[in-house]
């Protein structure tokens, strides 16, 4: 009985020793594998990413980069906010510059100024025609009647200052008033560029096309109705007019 007990105790001790040895070996293997897996991580972090951490590490690092370096969208939003604050401050202080710099108003102002600067009219009394220039090029020309003897069309440089649909005409001598209509001596368009003691001088239509090209007016430039309608569309207030022989 005593021998049997001793043998069982010896077996237990051997099993414990064997188990301890296996546990020690396992711990060493685990420690060595952990050390080898850690070393690439530290070196790869210097390069900017970690293979061990996988996609999560890339996500975190990309978020850090975004936090440190704002995107163009963020910058544009910041610029827009700054401009908005500047405009709001200007309007609060009663400054009209902010209001005048709006895109719609700027485009309308530029169109008006471009028409007056780029377009000009040249009236050549010798060949009795008016030439429409734009950007230095002739884009149209129309025959005109001119002032008769004693009522010669004035020469010089002028600007369009009065335009009107269906004008009313007062005779400079008799004072008779001619209402607008088919029989009106002024036709249905008026483009005034000079004002004198006897009234305005300008371009106008006529009920009689046969008079166009002849010296029959009181100083005005008489045109066919379709022509003066076209000219009316090609000018604005401020368009320069040069009249020469």
C-alpha atoms as a PDB file:
ATOM      1  CA  UNK A   1       0.000   0.000   0.000  1.00  0.00           C
ATOM      2  CA  UNK A   2       2.811   2.393   0.935  1.00  0.00           C
ATOM      3  CA  UNK A   3       4.641   1.679  -2.306  1.00  0.00           C
ATOM      4  CA  UNK A   4       1.528   2.339  -4.357  1.00  0.00           C
ATOM      5  CA  UNK A   5       1.056   5.701  -2.702  1.00  0.00           C
ATOM      6  CA  UNK A   6       4.667   6.660  -3.309  1.00  0.00           C
ATOM      7  CA  UNK A   7       4.370   5.769  -6.993  1.00  0.00           C
ATOM      8  CA  UNK A   8       1.225   7.915  -7.413  1.00  0.00           C
ATOM      9  CA  UNK A   9       2.883  10.870  -5.691  1.00  0.00           C
ATOM     10  CA  UNK A  10       5.921  10.506  -7.923  1.00  0.00           C
ATOM     11  CA  UNK A  11       3.721  10.505 -11.013  1.00  0.00           C
ATOM     12  CA  UNK A  12       1.925  13.639  -9.819  1.00  0.00           C
ATOM     13  CA  UNK A  13       5.220  15.399  -9.193  1.00  0.00           C
ATOM     14  CA  UNK A  14       6.474  14.416 -12.640  1.00  0.00           C
ATOM     15  CA  UNK A  15       3.282  15.672 -14.267  1.00  0.00           C
ATOM     16  CA  UNK A  16       3.568  18.967 -12.416  1.00  0.00           C
ATOM     17  CA  UNK A  17       7.182  19.379 -13.487  1.00  0.00           C
ATOM     18  CA  UNK A  18       6.349  18.490 -17.065  1.00  0.00           C
ATOM     19  CA  UNK A  19       3.410  20.924 -17.083  1.00  0.00           C
ATOM     20  CA  UNK A  20       5.581  23.673 -15.608  1.00  0.00           C
ATOM     21  CA  UNK A  21       8.177  23.099 -18.307  1.00  0.00           C
ATOM     22  CA  UNK A  22       5.552  23.274 -21.048  1.00  0.00           C
ATOM     23  CA  UNK A  23       4.099  26.466 -19.565  1.00  0.00           C
ATOM     24  CA  UNK A  24       7.561  28.049 -19.416  1.00  0.00           C
ATOM     25  CA  UNK A  25       8.252  27.172 -23.046  1.00  0.00           C
ATOM     26  CA  UNK A  26       4.870  28.533 -24.115  1.00  0.00           C
ATOM     27  CA  UNK A  27       5.464  31.814 -22.272  1.00  0.00           C
ATOM     28  CA  UNK A  28       8.871  32.252 -23.924  1.00  0.00           C
ATOM     29  CA  UNK A  29       7.476  31.519 -27.366  1.00  0.00           C
ATOM     30  CA  UNK A  30       4.652  34.006 -26.829  1.00  0.00           C
ATOM     31  CA  UNK A  31       7.062  36.643 -25.564  1.00  0.00           C
ATOM     32  CA  UNK A  32       9.397  36.223 -28.544  1.00  0.00           C
ATOM     33  CA  UNK A  33       6.530  36.358 -31.041  1.00  0.00           C
ATOM     34  CA  UNK A  34       5.136  39.495 -29.395  1.00  0.00           C
ATOM     35  CA  UNK A  35       8.524  41.183 -29.564  1.00  0.00           C
ATOM     36  CA  UNK A  36       8.951  40.376 -33.260  1.00  0.00           C
ATOM     37  CA  UNK A  37       5.461  41.671 -34.077  1.00  0.00           C
ATOM     38  CA  UNK A  38       6.008  44.913 -32.183  1.00  0.00           C
ATOM     39  CA  UNK A  39       9.239  45.886 -33.927  1.00  0.00           C
ATOM     40  CA  UNK A  40       7.712  46.355 -37.452  1.00  0.00           C
ATOM     41  CA  UNK A  41       4.934  48.428 -35.960  1.00  0.00           C
ATOM     42  CA  UNK A  42       7.363  50.934 -34.474  1.00  0.00           C
ATOM     43  CA  UNK A  43       9.371  51.152 -37.687  1.00  0.00           C
ATOM     44  CA  UNK A  44       6.319  51.430 -39.879  1.00  0.00           C
ATOM     45  CA  UNK A  45       4.909  54.222 -37.762  1.00  0.00           C
ATOM     46  CA  UNK A  46       7.939  56.242 -38.709  1.00  0.00           C
ATOM     47  CA  UNK A  47       6.891  55.773 -42.335  1.00  0.00           C
ATOM     48  CA  UNK A  48       3.395  57.083 -41.543  1.00  0.00           C
ATOM     49  CA  UNK A  49       1.274  53.905 -41.282  1.00  0.00           C
ATOM     50  CA  UNK A  50       1.054  50.554 -39.407  1.00  0.00           C
ATOM     51  CA  UNK A  51       0.498  47.128 -40.973  1.00  0.00           C
ATOM     52  CA  UNK A  52      -0.342  45.541 -37.599  1.00  0.00           C
ATOM     53  CA  UNK A  53      -3.078  48.073 -36.913  1.00  0.00           C
ATOM     54  CA  UNK A  54      -4.514  47.656 -40.420  1.00  0.00           C
ATOM     55  CA  UNK A  55      -7.247  49.816 -41.870  1.00  0.00           C
ATOM     56  CA  UNK A  56      -8.233  51.316 -38.520  1.00  0.00           C
ATOM     57  CA  UNK A  57      -4.834  52.944 -38.174  1.00  0.00           C
ATOM     58  CA  UNK A  58      -5.133  54.412 -41.689  1.00  0.00           C
ATOM     59  CA  UNK A  59      -8.543  55.843 -40.845  1.00  0.00           C
ATOM     60  CA  UNK A  60      -7.288  57.452 -37.660  1.00  0.00           C
ATOM     61  CA  UNK A  61      -4.241  58.866 -39.391  1.00  0.00           C
ATOM     62  CA  UNK A  62      -6.302  60.247 -42.289  1.00  0.00           C
ATOM     63  CA  UNK A  63      -8.576  61.924 -39.771  1.00  0.00           C
ATOM     64  CA  UNK A  64      -5.551  63.438 -38.042  1.00  0.00           C
ATOM     65  CA  UNK A  65      -4.279  64.748 -41.369  1.00  0.00           C
ATOM     66  CA  UNK A  66      -7.654  66.328 -42.105  1.00  0.00           C
ATOM     67  CA  UNK A  67      -7.662  67.927 -38.688  1.00  0.00           C
ATOM     68  CA  UNK A  68      -4.174  69.349 -39.146  1.00  0.00           C
ATOM     69  CA  UNK A  69      -4.569  70.345 -42.816  1.00  0.00           C
ATOM     70  CA  UNK A  70      -7.996  71.883 -43.672  1.00  0.00           C
ATOM     71  CA  UNK A  71      -9.353  70.953 -47.089  1.00  0.00           C
ATOM     72  CA  UNK A  72     -10.014  73.432 -49.900  1.00  0.00           C
ATOM     73  CA  UNK A  73     -13.722  73.253 -49.179  1.00  0.00           C
ATOM     74  CA  UNK A  74     -13.121  74.275 -45.585  1.00  0.00           C
ATOM     75  CA  UNK A  75     -10.923  77.142 -46.775  1.00  0.00           C
ATOM     76  CA  UNK A  76     -13.525  78.297 -49.293  1.00  0.00           C
ATOM     77  CA  UNK A  77     -16.243  78.204 -46.645  1.00  0.00           C
ATOM     78  CA  UNK A  78     -14.027  80.303 -44.384  1.00  0.00           C
ATOM     79  CA  UNK A  79     -13.388  82.828 -47.173  1.00  0.00           C
ATOM     80  CA  UNK A  80     -17.086  83.080 -47.995  1.00  0.00           C
ATOM     81  CA  UNK A  81     -17.908  83.641 -44.329  1.00  0.00           C
ATOM     82  CA  UNK A  82     -15.263  86.370 -44.108  1.00  0.00           C
ATOM     83  CA  UNK A  83     -16.612  88.113 -47.227  1.00  0.00           C
ATOM     84  CA  UNK A  84     -20.143  87.887 -45.887  1.00  0.00           C
ATOM     85  CA  UNK A  85     -19.071  89.492 -42.630  1.00  0.00           C
ATOM     86  CA  UNK A  86     -17.275  92.279 -44.516  1.00  0.00           C
ATOM     87  CA  UNK A  87     -20.326  92.989 -46.685  1.00  0.00           C
ATOM     88  CA  UNK A  88     -22.603  92.953 -43.675  1.00  0.00           C
ATOM     89  CA  UNK A  89     -20.289  95.349 -41.835  1.00  0.00           C
ATOM     90  CA  UNK A  90     -20.175  97.669 -44.843  1.00  0.00           C
ATOM     91  CA  UNK A  91     -23.961  97.772 -45.183  1.00  0.00           C
ATOM     92  CA  UNK A  92     -24.325  98.405 -41.447  1.00  0.00           C
ATOM     93  CA  UNK A  93     -21.951 101.377 -41.682  1.00  0.00           C
ATOM     94  CA  UNK A  94     -23.975 102.849 -44.557  1.00  0.00           C
ATOM     95  CA  UNK A  95     -21.408 102.035 -47.212  1.00  0.00           C
ATOM     96  CA  UNK A  96     -22.958 101.673 -50.692  1.00  0.00           C
ATOM     97  CA  UNK A  97     -19.916  99.897 -52.122  1.00  0.00           C
ATOM     98  CA  UNK A  98     -21.152  96.487 -51.035  1.00  0.00           C
ATOM     99  CA  UNK A  99     -24.506  97.036 -52.664  1.00  0.00           C
ATOM    100  CA  UNK A 100     -22.966  98.313 -55.897  1.00  0.00           C
ATOM    101  CA  UNK A 101     -20.637  95.338 -56.199  1.00  0.00           C
ATOM    102  CA  UNK A 102     -23.413  92.758 -56.524  1.00  0.00           C
ATOM    103  CA  UNK A 103     -23.017  90.643 -59.726  1.00  0.00           C
ATOM    104  CA  UNK A 104     -26.359  91.593 -61.265  1.00  0.00           C
ATOM    105  CA  UNK A 105     -25.926  95.343 -60.813  1.00  0.00           C
ATOM    106  CA  UNK A 106     -22.309  95.218 -61.978  1.00  0.00           C
ATOM    107  CA  UNK A 107     -23.272  93.363 -65.159  1.00  0.00           C
ATOM    108  CA  UNK A 108     -26.056  95.846 -65.940  1.00  0.00           C
ATOM    109  CA  UNK A 109     -23.759  98.830 -65.379  1.00  0.00           C
ATOM    110  CA  UNK A 110     -21.024  97.308 -67.527  1.00  0.00           C
ATOM    111  CA  UNK A 111     -23.455  96.578 -70.383  1.00  0.00           C
ATOM    112  CA  UNK A 112     -24.719 100.176 -70.394  1.00  0.00           C
ATOM    113  CA  UNK A 113     -21.210 101.645 -70.294  1.00  0.00           C
ATOM    114  CA  UNK A 114     -19.986  99.252 -73.001  1.00  0.00           C
ATOM    115  CA  UNK A 115     -22.771 100.261 -75.386  1.00  0.00           C
ATOM    116  CA  UNK A 116     -22.046 103.967 -74.935  1.00  0.00           C
ATOM    117  CA  UNK A 117     -18.273 103.478 -75.251  1.00  0.00           C
ATOM    118  CA  UNK A 118     -18.157 100.911 -78.041  1.00  0.00           C
ATOM    119  CA  UNK A 119     -20.922 102.264 -80.284  1.00  0.00           C
ATOM    120  CA  UNK A 120     -20.704 105.588 -82.112  1.00  0.00           C
ATOM    121  CA  UNK A 121     -22.414 107.239 -85.058  1.00  0.00           C
ATOM    122  CA  UNK A 122     -20.721 109.061 -87.906  1.00  0.00           C
ATOM    123  CA  UNK A 123     -22.854 111.225 -90.187  1.00  0.00           C
ATOM    124  CA  UNK A 124     -21.221 112.111 -93.503  1.00  0.00           C
ATOM    125  CA  UNK A 125     -23.193 114.983 -94.992  1.00  0.00           C
ATOM    126  CA  UNK A 126     -21.350 114.722 -98.312  1.00  0.00           C
ATOM    127  CA  UNK A 127     -22.745 111.263 -99.086  1.00  0.00           C
ATOM    128  CA  UNK A 128     -25.811 111.736 -96.849  1.00  0.00           C
ATOM    129  CA  UNK A 129     -25.409 108.579 -94.822  1.00  0.00           C
ATOM    130  CA  UNK A 130     -25.058 107.658 -91.171  1.00  0.00           C
ATOM    131  CA  UNK A 131     -22.541 104.946 -90.235  1.00  0.00           C
ATOM    132  CA  UNK A 132     -22.819 102.839 -87.085  1.00  0.00           C
ATOM    133  CA  UNK A 133     -19.461 101.873 -85.586  1.00  0.00           C
ATOM    134  CA  UNK A 134     -18.870  99.275 -82.910  1.00  0.00           C
ATOM    135  CA  UNK A 135     -15.400  98.304 -81.679  1.00  0.00           C
ATOM    136  CA  UNK A 136     -13.913 100.311 -84.549  1.00  0.00           C
ATOM    137  CA  UNK A 137     -15.865  98.443 -87.248  1.00  0.00           C
ATOM    138  CA  UNK A 138     -18.806  99.630 -89.355  1.00  0.00           C
ATOM    139  CA  UNK A 139     -21.734  97.355 -88.569  1.00  0.00           C
ATOM    140  CA  UNK A 140     -24.448  99.282 -90.469  1.00  0.00           C
ATOM    141  CA  UNK A 141     -25.097 102.370 -92.581  1.00  0.00           C
ATOM    142  CA  UNK A 142     -28.317 104.094 -93.623  1.00  0.00           C
ATOM    143  CA  UNK A 143     -29.200 106.882 -96.079  1.00  0.00           C
ATOM    144  CA  UNK A 144     -30.414 110.125 -94.536  1.00  0.00           C
ATOM    145  CA  UNK A 145     -31.958 113.378 -95.589  1.00  0.00           C
ATOM    146  CA  UNK A 146     -30.162 116.509 -94.388  1.00  0.00           C
ATOM    147  CA  UNK A 147     -30.990 120.139 -93.663  1.00  0.00           C
ATOM    148  CA  UNK A 148     -31.990 122.384 -96.527  1.00  0.00           C
ATOM    149  CA  UNK A 149     -30.405 125.747 -97.316  1.00  0.00           C
ATOM    150  CA  UNK A 150     -30.740 128.097 -94.392  1.00  0.00           C
ATOM    151  CA  UNK A 151     -31.406 125.133 -92.079  1.00  0.00           C
ATOM    152  CA  UNK A 152     -28.173 123.247 -92.567  1.00  0.00           C
ATOM    153  CA  UNK A 153     -27.480 120.296 -90.297  1.00  0.00           C
ATOM    154  CA  UNK A 154     -24.925 121.420 -87.675  1.00  0.00           C
ATOM    155  CA  UNK A 155     -21.511 119.753 -87.684  1.00  0.00           C
ATOM    156  CA  UNK A 156     -19.439 118.720 -84.678  1.00  0.00           C
ATOM    157  CA  UNK A 157     -19.357 116.129 -81.919  1.00  0.00           C
ATOM    158  CA  UNK A 158     -22.493 115.392 -79.915  1.00  0.00           C
ATOM    159  CA  UNK A 159     -24.119 112.729 -77.748  1.00  0.00           C
ATOM    160  CA  UNK A 160     -27.548 111.122 -77.854  1.00  0.00           C
ATOM    161  CA  UNK A 161     -29.569 112.597 -74.986  1.00  0.00           C
ATOM    162  CA  UNK A 162     -33.209 112.060 -75.990  1.00  0.00           C
ATOM    163  CA  UNK A 163     -34.860 108.987 -77.518  1.00  0.00           C
ATOM    164  CA  UNK A 164     -38.600 108.493 -77.936  1.00  0.00           C
ATOM    165  CA  UNK A 165     -41.220 106.270 -79.524  1.00  0.00           C
ATOM    166  CA  UNK A 166     -44.020 108.008 -81.462  1.00  0.00           C
ATOM    167  CA  UNK A 167     -42.713 111.570 -81.026  1.00  0.00           C
ATOM    168  CA  UNK A 168     -44.768 114.755 -81.322  1.00  0.00           C
ATOM    169  CA  UNK A 169     -43.376 117.486 -83.610  1.00  0.00           C
ATOM    170  CA  UNK A 170     -43.880 121.228 -83.450  1.00  0.00           C
ATOM    171  CA  UNK A 171     -43.133 123.187 -86.625  1.00  0.00           C
ATOM    172  CA  UNK A 172     -40.271 125.615 -85.855  1.00  0.00           C
ATOM    173  CA  UNK A 173     -41.844 128.456 -87.887  1.00  0.00           C
ATOM    174  CA  UNK A 174     -45.623 128.087 -87.676  1.00  0.00           C
ATOM    175  CA  UNK A 175     -45.704 126.392 -84.277  1.00  0.00           C
ATOM    176  CA  UNK A 176     -48.187 123.825 -85.541  1.00  0.00           C
ATOM    177  CA  UNK A 177     -48.173 120.583 -83.538  1.00  0.00           C
ATOM    178  CA  UNK A 178     -48.162 117.272 -85.383  1.00  0.00           C
ATOM    179  CA  UNK A 179     -49.356 114.331 -83.251  1.00  0.00           C
ATOM    180  CA  UNK A 180     -47.801 110.868 -83.591  1.00  0.00           C
ATOM    181  CA  UNK A 181     -49.192 108.607 -86.291  1.00  0.00           C
ATOM    182  CA  UNK A 182     -48.679 107.451 -89.851  1.00  0.00           C
ATOM    183  CA  UNK A 183     -48.679 111.026 -91.187  1.00  0.00           C
ATOM    184  CA  UNK A 184     -46.285 112.429 -88.590  1.00  0.00           C
ATOM    185  CA  UNK A 185     -43.273 114.180 -90.196  1.00  0.00           C
ATOM    186  CA  UNK A 186     -41.073 112.494 -87.543  1.00  0.00           C
ATOM    187  CA  UNK A 187     -42.255 108.953 -88.203  1.00  0.00           C
ATOM    188  CA  UNK A 188     -42.376 106.681 -85.149  1.00  0.00           C
ATOM    189  CA  UNK A 189     -38.838 107.129 -83.699  1.00  0.00           C
ATOM    190  CA  UNK A 190     -36.829 110.101 -82.455  1.00  0.00           C
ATOM    191  CA  UNK A 191     -33.107 110.156 -81.563  1.00  0.00           C
ATOM    192  CA  UNK A 192     -32.074 113.620 -80.399  1.00  0.00           C
ATOM    193  CA  UNK A 193     -28.405 114.606 -80.132  1.00  0.00           C
ATOM    194  CA  UNK A 194     -28.457 118.432 -80.108  1.00  0.00           C
ATOM    195  CA  UNK A 195     -30.633 121.111 -78.542  1.00  0.00           C
ATOM    196  CA  UNK A 196     -30.680 124.706 -79.799  1.00  0.00           C
ATOM    197  CA  UNK A 197     -32.811 127.837 -79.858  1.00  0.00           C
ATOM    198  CA  UNK A 198     -35.068 126.393 -82.547  1.00  0.00           C
ATOM    199  CA  UNK A 199     -35.497 123.048 -80.810  1.00  0.00           C
ATOM    200  CA  UNK A 200     -33.789 119.699 -81.002  1.00  0.00           C
ATOM    201  CA  UNK A 201     -31.805 118.204 -83.869  1.00  0.00           C
ATOM    202  CA  UNK A 202     -31.797 114.444 -84.344  1.00  0.00           C
ATOM    203  CA  UNK A 203     -32.624 111.363 -86.397  1.00  0.00           C
ATOM    204  CA  UNK A 204     -36.247 110.576 -87.189  1.00  0.00           C
ATOM    205  CA  UNK A 205     -38.465 108.692 -89.607  1.00  0.00           C
ATOM    206  CA  UNK A 206     -40.703 110.018 -92.349  1.00  0.00           C
ATOM    207  CA  UNK A 207     -44.033 109.227 -94.021  1.00  0.00           C
ATOM    208  CA  UNK A 208     -42.431 109.871 -97.438  1.00  0.00           C
ATOM    209  CA  UNK A 209     -39.393 107.706 -98.269  1.00  0.00           C
ATOM    210  CA  UNK A 210     -38.692 109.684-101.456  1.00  0.00           C
ATOM    211  CA  UNK A 211     -37.416 112.580 -99.332  1.00  0.00           C
ATOM    212  CA  UNK A 212     -34.628 110.468 -97.804  1.00  0.00           C
ATOM    213  CA  UNK A 213     -31.258 111.463 -99.239  1.00  0.00           C
ATOM    214  CA  UNK A 214     -32.325 115.006-100.096  1.00  0.00           C
ATOM    215  CA  UNK A 215     -31.684 118.366 -98.348  1.00  0.00           C
ATOM    216  CA  UNK A 216     -35.285 118.973 -97.277  1.00  0.00           C
ATOM    217  CA  UNK A 217     -35.336 119.083 -93.469  1.00  0.00           C
ATOM    218  CA  UNK A 218     -34.986 121.862 -90.892  1.00  0.00           C
ATOM    219  CA  UNK A 219     -31.601 120.485 -89.827  1.00  0.00           C
ATOM    220  CA  UNK A 220     -32.631 116.992 -88.781  1.00  0.00           C
ATOM    221  CA  UNK A 221     -31.501 113.728 -90.352  1.00  0.00           C
ATOM    222  CA  UNK A 222     -34.514 112.138 -91.995  1.00  0.00           C
ATOM    223  CA  UNK A 223     -34.508 108.328 -92.403  1.00  0.00           C
ATOM    224  CA  UNK A 224     -36.794 105.607 -93.678  1.00  0.00           C
ATOM    225  CA  UNK A 225     -38.946 104.221 -90.884  1.00  0.00           C
ATOM    226  CA  UNK A 226     -37.473 100.670 -90.962  1.00  0.00           C
ATOM    227  CA  UNK A 227     -33.947 102.151 -90.889  1.00  0.00           C
ATOM    228  CA  UNK A 228     -34.562 104.482 -87.964  1.00  0.00           C
ATOM    229  CA  UNK A 229     -36.129 101.607 -86.029  1.00  0.00           C
ATOM    230  CA  UNK A 230     -32.941  99.584 -86.512  1.00  0.00           C
ATOM    231  CA  UNK A 231     -30.782 102.561 -85.533  1.00  0.00           C
ATOM    232  CA  UNK A 232     -32.939 103.041 -82.442  1.00  0.00           C
ATOM    233  CA  UNK A 233     -31.978  99.541 -81.285  1.00  0.00           C
ATOM    234  CA  UNK A 234     -28.268 100.130 -81.914  1.00  0.00           C
ATOM    235  CA  UNK A 235     -27.841 103.213 -79.722  1.00  0.00           C
ATOM    236  CA  UNK A 236     -28.415 104.274 -76.146  1.00  0.00           C
ATOM    237  CA  UNK A 237     -28.365 107.498 -74.199  1.00  0.00           C
ATOM    238  CA  UNK A 238     -24.759 108.687 -74.295  1.00  0.00           C
ATOM    239  CA  UNK A 239     -23.844 107.247 -77.699  1.00  0.00           C
ATOM    240  CA  UNK A 240     -21.474 109.657 -79.447  1.00  0.00           C
ATOM    241  CA  UNK A 241     -22.523 111.306 -82.714  1.00  0.00           C
ATOM    242  CA  UNK A 242     -20.071 112.990 -85.072  1.00  0.00           C
ATOM    243  CA  UNK A 243     -21.429 115.060 -87.956  1.00  0.00           C
ATOM    244  CA  UNK A 244     -19.034 116.184 -90.685  1.00  0.00           C
ATOM    245  CA  UNK A 245     -18.975 117.216 -94.337  1.00  0.00           C
END
